[in-house]
Protein backbone atom coordinates (compact mmCIF):
# COMPACT_ATOMS: atom_id res chain seq x y z
CA UNK A 1 2.15 19.57 -29.99
CA UNK A 2 -0.57 17.67 -31.81
CA UNK A 3 1.52 14.50 -31.82
CA UNK A 4 1.96 14.57 -28.05
CA UNK A 5 -1.79 14.94 -27.49
CA UNK A 6 -2.50 12.04 -29.92
CA UNK A 7 0.12 9.86 -28.08
CA UNK A 8 -1.31 10.71 -24.68
CA UNK A 9 -4.87 10.02 -25.85
CA UNK A 10 -3.83 6.68 -27.33
CA UNK A 11 -2.06 5.75 -24.08
CA UNK A 12 -5.13 6.57 -22.01
CA UNK A 13 -7.36 4.56 -24.31
CA UNK A 14 -5.10 1.54 -23.77
CA UNK A 15 -4.66 1.96 -19.92
CA UNK A 16 -8.22 2.66 -18.90
CA UNK A 17 -9.73 -0.75 -19.88
CA UNK A 18 -6.84 -2.52 -18.18
CA UNK A 19 -7.42 -0.75 -14.89
CA UNK A 20 -11.17 -1.58 -15.04
CA UNK A 21 -10.39 -5.30 -15.72
CA UNK A 22 -7.94 -5.36 -12.72
CA UNK A 23 -10.54 -3.78 -10.43
CA UNK A 24 -13.14 -6.33 -11.46
CA UNK A 25 -10.82 -9.29 -10.81
CA UNK A 26 -10.00 -7.90 -7.34
CA UNK A 27 -13.70 -7.60 -6.53
CA UNK A 28 -14.26 -11.30 -7.33
CA UNK A 29 -11.37 -12.45 -5.21
CA UNK A 30 -12.44 -10.24 -2.34
CA UNK A 31 -15.91 -11.86 -2.36
CA UNK A 32 -14.40 -15.28 -1.97
CA UNK A 33 -12.22 -14.22 1.01
CA UNK A 34 -15.21 -12.59 2.73
CA UNK A 35 -17.21 -15.80 2.53
CA UNK A 36 -14.45 -17.70 4.42
CA UNK A 37 -14.25 -14.99 7.07
CA UNK A 38 -17.99 -14.92 7.55
CA UNK A 39 -18.02 -18.63 8.50
CA UNK A 40 -15.33 -17.96 11.13
CA UNK A 41 -17.13 -15.13 12.83
CA UNK A 42 -19.00 -15.64 16.06
CA UNK A 43 -22.79 -15.30 15.94
CA UNK A 44 -24.15 -12.29 17.81
CA UNK A 45 -25.45 -13.01 21.27
CA UNK A 46 -29.09 -12.55 22.09
CA UNK A 47 -30.14 -11.21 25.44
CA UNK A 48 -33.63 -11.35 27.04
CA UNK A 49 -35.65 -8.38 25.89
CA UNK A 50 -33.14 -7.42 23.18
CA UNK A 51 -34.79 -5.62 20.31
CA UNK A 52 -38.13 -4.98 21.97
CA UNK A 53 -37.75 -1.22 21.85
CA UNK A 54 -36.65 -1.28 18.20
CA UNK A 55 -39.62 -3.42 16.91
CA UNK A 56 -42.15 -0.64 16.33
CA UNK A 57 -39.63 1.31 14.27
CA UNK A 58 -39.03 -1.67 11.94
CA UNK A 59 -42.68 -2.09 11.11
CA UNK A 60 -43.89 -0.17 8.07
CA UNK A 61 -45.13 3.30 8.94
CA UNK A 62 -47.55 5.56 7.17
CA UNK A 63 -46.07 8.79 5.87
CA UNK A 64 -47.41 11.89 7.69
CA UNK A 65 -47.87 13.63 4.38
CA UNK A 66 -49.97 10.77 3.06
CA UNK A 67 -52.00 10.76 6.25
CA UNK A 68 -52.74 14.49 5.86
CA UNK A 69 -53.76 14.04 2.26
CA UNK A 70 -56.05 11.15 3.10
CA UNK A 71 -57.79 13.14 5.81
CA UNK A 72 -58.19 16.23 3.56
CA UNK A 73 -59.87 14.23 0.72
CA UNK A 74 -63.57 14.80 0.71
CA UNK A 75 -63.62 16.66 4.05
CA UNK A 76 -64.63 20.33 4.30
CA UNK A 77 -62.43 22.64 6.38
CA UNK A 78 -58.73 22.98 6.96
CA UNK A 79 -55.96 21.05 8.70
CA UNK A 80 -54.37 22.66 11.75
CA UNK A 81 -51.64 20.09 12.37
CA UNK A 82 -50.46 16.47 12.56
CA UNK A 83 -49.04 14.79 15.70
CA UNK A 84 -47.83 11.27 16.43
CA UNK A 85 -49.43 9.68 19.53
CA UNK A 86 -48.68 6.15 20.61
CA UNK A 87 -47.81 4.86 17.17
CA UNK A 88 -50.87 6.51 15.54
CA UNK A 89 -51.34 9.93 14.04
CA UNK A 90 -53.80 12.60 15.23
CA UNK A 91 -54.77 15.24 12.73
CA UNK A 92 -56.27 18.41 14.19
CA UNK A 93 -59.01 19.63 11.81
CA UNK A 94 -61.11 22.76 11.77
CA UNK A 95 -64.55 22.38 10.15
CA UNK A 96 -66.44 25.25 8.60
CA UNK A 97 -68.22 27.11 11.36
CA UNK A 98 -65.15 26.90 13.72
CA UNK A 99 -65.63 23.40 15.25
CA UNK A 100 -62.19 21.81 15.89
CA UNK A 101 -61.79 18.01 15.96
CA UNK A 102 -59.02 15.49 16.38
CA UNK A 103 -59.11 12.80 13.69
CA UNK A 104 -57.34 9.58 14.62
CA UNK A 105 -55.37 7.77 11.85
CA UNK A 106 -53.80 4.32 12.06
CA UNK A 107 -49.99 4.69 12.13
CA UNK A 108 -49.31 1.58 10.01
CA UNK A 109 -52.01 1.54 7.36
CA UNK A 110 -52.81 5.27 7.27
CA UNK A 111 -56.57 4.62 7.49
CA UNK A 112 -58.79 7.07 9.27
CA UNK A 113 -60.13 5.50 12.50
CA UNK A 114 -62.48 8.16 13.68
CA UNK A 115 -63.35 11.73 14.58
CA UNK A 116 -63.37 13.04 18.19
């Protein structure tokens, strides 16, 4: 029984490196073929107005959690909520004494713009 395990283990030790080497060589050949195919492909067509709706999404956006932390730092009171309005964030804040205010935050940089 011990001999069979030893032979199987020895066989696996020999086979595993060979399969890795074969997979690596296939990967290199595949890359060369894709380069040839890429040259043959037709370029995508552009239409007037294409991508205008997607542009604001591709720009870097401030994280709502970071926006909330930035508003909370050095401000007395408590946060009631965060909403996105027109690409910016509005943080609803309750000051001590009960006054409620909307704090506007830039959607890209995360900087506080002002208090309403």
